[in-house]
Amino acid sequence: MIIEQIRSRLENGFHPFTLELSSGRKIRVPHQHFIALHPKAIVVIDQKGISHTISPLHVVSIGEAARHH
């Protein structure tokens, strides 16, 4: 279900968002080209080019990201 929610955000007028994980960590998705989805994995590339591979089971919420200037 999380994968479908993320896909919806990517397809319906993208706005930056954050993925909040079960650990409390938040990962910002600044652009739709910085994320790849698979039913068993989410990969996010951050602004420094570092990849973060996440199990969809660990995503507890999706929130609006603060804008960076």
N, C-alpha and C. Protein backbone atom coordinates (compact mmCIF):
# COMPACT_ATOMS: atom_id res chain seq x y z
N MET A 1 0.81 -1.20 0.00
CA MET A 1 0.00 0.00 0.00
C MET A 1 0.86 1.27 0.00
N ILE A 2 1.96 1.27 0.75
CA ILE A 2 2.86 2.43 0.77
C ILE A 2 3.39 2.69 -0.64
N ILE A 3 3.72 1.64 -1.37
CA ILE A 3 4.25 1.81 -2.72
C ILE A 3 3.22 2.54 -3.59
N GLU A 4 1.96 2.18 -3.47
CA GLU A 4 0.91 2.84 -4.26
C GLU A 4 0.76 4.31 -3.85
N GLN A 5 0.88 4.60 -2.56
CA GLN A 5 0.80 5.98 -2.10
C GLN A 5 1.95 6.82 -2.66
N ILE A 6 3.14 6.24 -2.69
CA ILE A 6 4.30 6.96 -3.25
C ILE A 6 4.10 7.15 -4.75
N ARG A 7 3.67 6.11 -5.45
CA ARG A 7 3.43 6.23 -6.90
C ARG A 7 2.44 7.35 -7.18
N SER A 8 1.41 7.44 -6.38
CA SER A 8 0.41 8.48 -6.56
C SER A 8 1.04 9.87 -6.44
N ARG A 9 1.94 10.04 -5.47
CA ARG A 9 2.63 11.33 -5.30
C ARG A 9 3.52 11.63 -6.50
N LEU A 10 4.12 10.60 -7.08
CA LEU A 10 5.02 10.81 -8.22
C LEU A 10 4.25 11.15 -9.49
N GLU A 11 3.03 10.63 -9.61
CA GLU A 11 2.26 10.79 -10.84
C GLU A 11 1.33 12.00 -10.84
N ASN A 12 0.99 12.52 -9.69
CA ASN A 12 -0.03 13.56 -9.60
C ASN A 12 0.54 14.92 -9.20
N GLY A 13 1.41 15.47 -10.03
CA GLY A 13 1.98 16.78 -9.73
C GLY A 13 2.95 16.71 -8.57
N PHE A 14 4.15 16.28 -8.83
CA PHE A 14 5.14 16.02 -7.78
C PHE A 14 5.42 17.25 -6.91
N HIS A 15 5.50 17.01 -5.61
CA HIS A 15 5.99 17.96 -4.62
C HIS A 15 6.93 17.19 -3.71
N PRO A 16 8.06 17.78 -3.29
CA PRO A 16 8.99 17.08 -2.40
C PRO A 16 8.26 16.52 -1.17
N PHE A 17 8.70 15.35 -0.74
CA PHE A 17 8.11 14.72 0.43
C PHE A 17 9.16 13.97 1.22
N THR A 18 8.79 13.55 2.42
CA THR A 18 9.69 12.77 3.26
C THR A 18 9.06 11.42 3.57
N LEU A 19 9.92 10.44 3.70
CA LEU A 19 9.50 9.13 4.17
C LEU A 19 9.95 9.02 5.61
N GLU A 20 9.02 8.78 6.52
CA GLU A 20 9.39 8.57 7.92
C GLU A 20 9.45 7.07 8.16
N LEU A 21 10.60 6.63 8.70
CA LEU A 21 10.83 5.21 8.91
C LEU A 21 10.50 4.78 10.34
N SER A 22 10.38 3.49 10.55
CA SER A 22 10.06 2.95 11.87
C SER A 22 11.13 3.31 12.91
N SER A 23 12.33 3.63 12.46
CA SER A 23 13.42 4.03 13.37
C SER A 23 13.30 5.49 13.81
N GLY A 24 12.38 6.23 13.19
CA GLY A 24 12.24 7.66 13.45
C GLY A 24 12.99 8.52 12.44
N ARG A 25 13.82 7.92 11.65
CA ARG A 25 14.60 8.62 10.63
C ARG A 25 13.68 9.11 9.52
N LYS A 26 13.99 10.28 8.96
CA LYS A 26 13.23 10.83 7.84
C LYS A 26 14.15 10.98 6.64
N ILE A 27 13.68 10.53 5.50
CA ILE A 27 14.45 10.63 4.27
C ILE A 27 13.67 11.50 3.30
N ARG A 28 14.31 12.56 2.84
CA ARG A 28 13.67 13.53 1.95
C ARG A 28 13.79 13.07 0.50
N VAL A 29 12.70 13.18 -0.23
CA VAL A 29 12.67 12.89 -1.66
C VAL A 29 12.46 14.23 -2.37
N PRO A 30 13.56 14.84 -2.84
CA PRO A 30 13.48 16.20 -3.38
C PRO A 30 12.92 16.30 -4.80
N HIS A 31 12.99 15.19 -5.55
CA HIS A 31 12.57 15.21 -6.95
C HIS A 31 12.17 13.80 -7.35
N GLN A 32 11.24 13.69 -8.27
CA GLN A 32 10.75 12.37 -8.66
C GLN A 32 11.82 11.48 -9.28
N HIS A 33 12.90 12.04 -9.78
CA HIS A 33 13.97 11.23 -10.36
C HIS A 33 14.96 10.73 -9.31
N PHE A 34 14.72 11.05 -8.04
CA PHE A 34 15.60 10.62 -6.97
C PHE A 34 15.07 9.39 -6.23
N ILE A 35 14.03 8.74 -6.77
CA ILE A 35 13.44 7.59 -6.10
C ILE A 35 13.12 6.50 -7.11
N ALA A 36 13.33 5.25 -6.70
CA ALA A 36 12.96 4.08 -7.50
C ALA A 36 12.14 3.16 -6.61
N LEU A 37 11.10 2.57 -7.19
CA LEU A 37 10.19 1.74 -6.41
C LEU A 37 10.14 0.32 -6.93
N HIS A 38 10.04 -0.60 -6.00
CA HIS A 38 9.84 -2.02 -6.27
C HIS A 38 8.97 -2.52 -5.12
N PRO A 39 8.14 -3.53 -5.33
CA PRO A 39 7.30 -4.00 -4.22
C PRO A 39 8.07 -4.36 -2.95
N LYS A 40 9.35 -4.74 -3.09
CA LYS A 40 10.12 -5.14 -1.91
C LYS A 40 11.21 -4.15 -1.52
N ALA A 41 11.35 -3.04 -2.25
CA ALA A 41 12.40 -2.07 -1.92
C ALA A 41 12.08 -0.70 -2.49
N ILE A 42 12.51 0.31 -1.73
CA ILE A 42 12.46 1.70 -2.17
C ILE A 42 13.90 2.20 -2.13
N VAL A 43 14.35 2.82 -3.20
CA VAL A 43 15.70 3.38 -3.22
C VAL A 43 15.57 4.88 -3.43
N VAL A 44 16.18 5.64 -2.52
CA VAL A 44 16.18 7.10 -2.61
C VAL A 44 17.62 7.56 -2.71
N ILE A 45 17.90 8.45 -3.65
CA ILE A 45 19.23 9.06 -3.78
C ILE A 45 19.13 10.45 -3.17
N ASP A 46 20.01 10.74 -2.21
CA ASP A 46 19.95 12.06 -1.58
C ASP A 46 20.74 13.10 -2.37
N GLN A 47 20.73 14.34 -1.90
CA GLN A 47 21.38 15.44 -2.61
C GLN A 47 22.89 15.25 -2.76
N LYS A 48 23.48 14.40 -1.90
CA LYS A 48 24.93 14.13 -1.98
C LYS A 48 25.24 12.94 -2.88
N GLY A 49 24.19 12.33 -3.45
CA GLY A 49 24.41 11.18 -4.33
C GLY A 49 24.49 9.86 -3.59
N ILE A 50 24.14 9.84 -2.32
CA ILE A 50 24.18 8.62 -1.52
C ILE A 50 22.83 7.92 -1.64
N SER A 51 22.87 6.60 -1.89
CA SER A 51 21.62 5.85 -2.01
C SER A 51 21.19 5.27 -0.68
N HIS A 52 19.89 5.25 -0.47
CA HIS A 52 19.28 4.69 0.74
C HIS A 52 18.26 3.65 0.29
N THR A 53 18.50 2.39 0.61
CA THR A 53 17.59 1.31 0.26
C THR A 53 16.74 1.00 1.48
N ILE A 54 15.42 1.05 1.28
CA ILE A 54 14.48 0.95 2.38
C ILE A 54 13.47 -0.14 2.08
N SER A 55 13.13 -0.94 3.07
CA SER A 55 12.03 -1.87 2.94
C SER A 55 10.73 -1.10 3.11
N PRO A 56 9.77 -1.29 2.21
CA PRO A 56 8.49 -0.60 2.37
C PRO A 56 7.83 -0.88 3.73
N LEU A 57 8.15 -2.02 4.33
CA LEU A 57 7.58 -2.36 5.63
C LEU A 57 8.02 -1.39 6.73
N HIS A 58 9.13 -0.68 6.51
CA HIS A 58 9.66 0.25 7.52
C HIS A 58 9.18 1.69 7.33
N VAL A 59 8.42 1.96 6.28
CA VAL A 59 7.89 3.31 6.07
C VAL A 59 6.59 3.43 6.86
N VAL A 60 6.60 4.33 7.87
CA VAL A 60 5.42 4.48 8.71
C VAL A 60 4.54 5.65 8.27
N SER A 61 5.12 6.63 7.59
CA SER A 61 4.31 7.73 7.08
C SER A 61 5.03 8.46 5.95
N ILE A 62 4.23 9.22 5.20
CA ILE A 62 4.74 10.05 4.12
C ILE A 62 4.27 11.46 4.42
N GLY A 63 5.22 12.41 4.47
CA GLY A 63 4.86 13.78 4.81
C GLY A 63 5.39 14.78 3.82
N GLU A 64 4.89 15.99 3.92
CA GLU A 64 5.37 17.08 3.07
C GLU A 64 6.77 17.47 3.52
N ALA A 65 7.65 17.73 2.56
CA ALA A 65 9.03 18.14 2.86
C ALA A 65 9.11 19.66 2.89
N ALA A 66 9.94 20.14 3.79
CA ALA A 66 10.23 21.57 3.81
C ALA A 66 11.00 21.92 2.54
N ARG A 67 10.71 23.06 1.99
CA ARG A 67 11.42 23.48 0.77
C ARG A 67 12.82 23.94 1.11
N HIS A 68 13.78 23.47 0.28
CA HIS A 68 15.17 23.94 0.40
C HIS A 68 15.41 24.99 -0.67
N HIS A 69 16.15 26.01 -0.32
CA HIS A 69 16.44 27.08 -1.29
C HIS A 69 17.82 26.89 -1.85
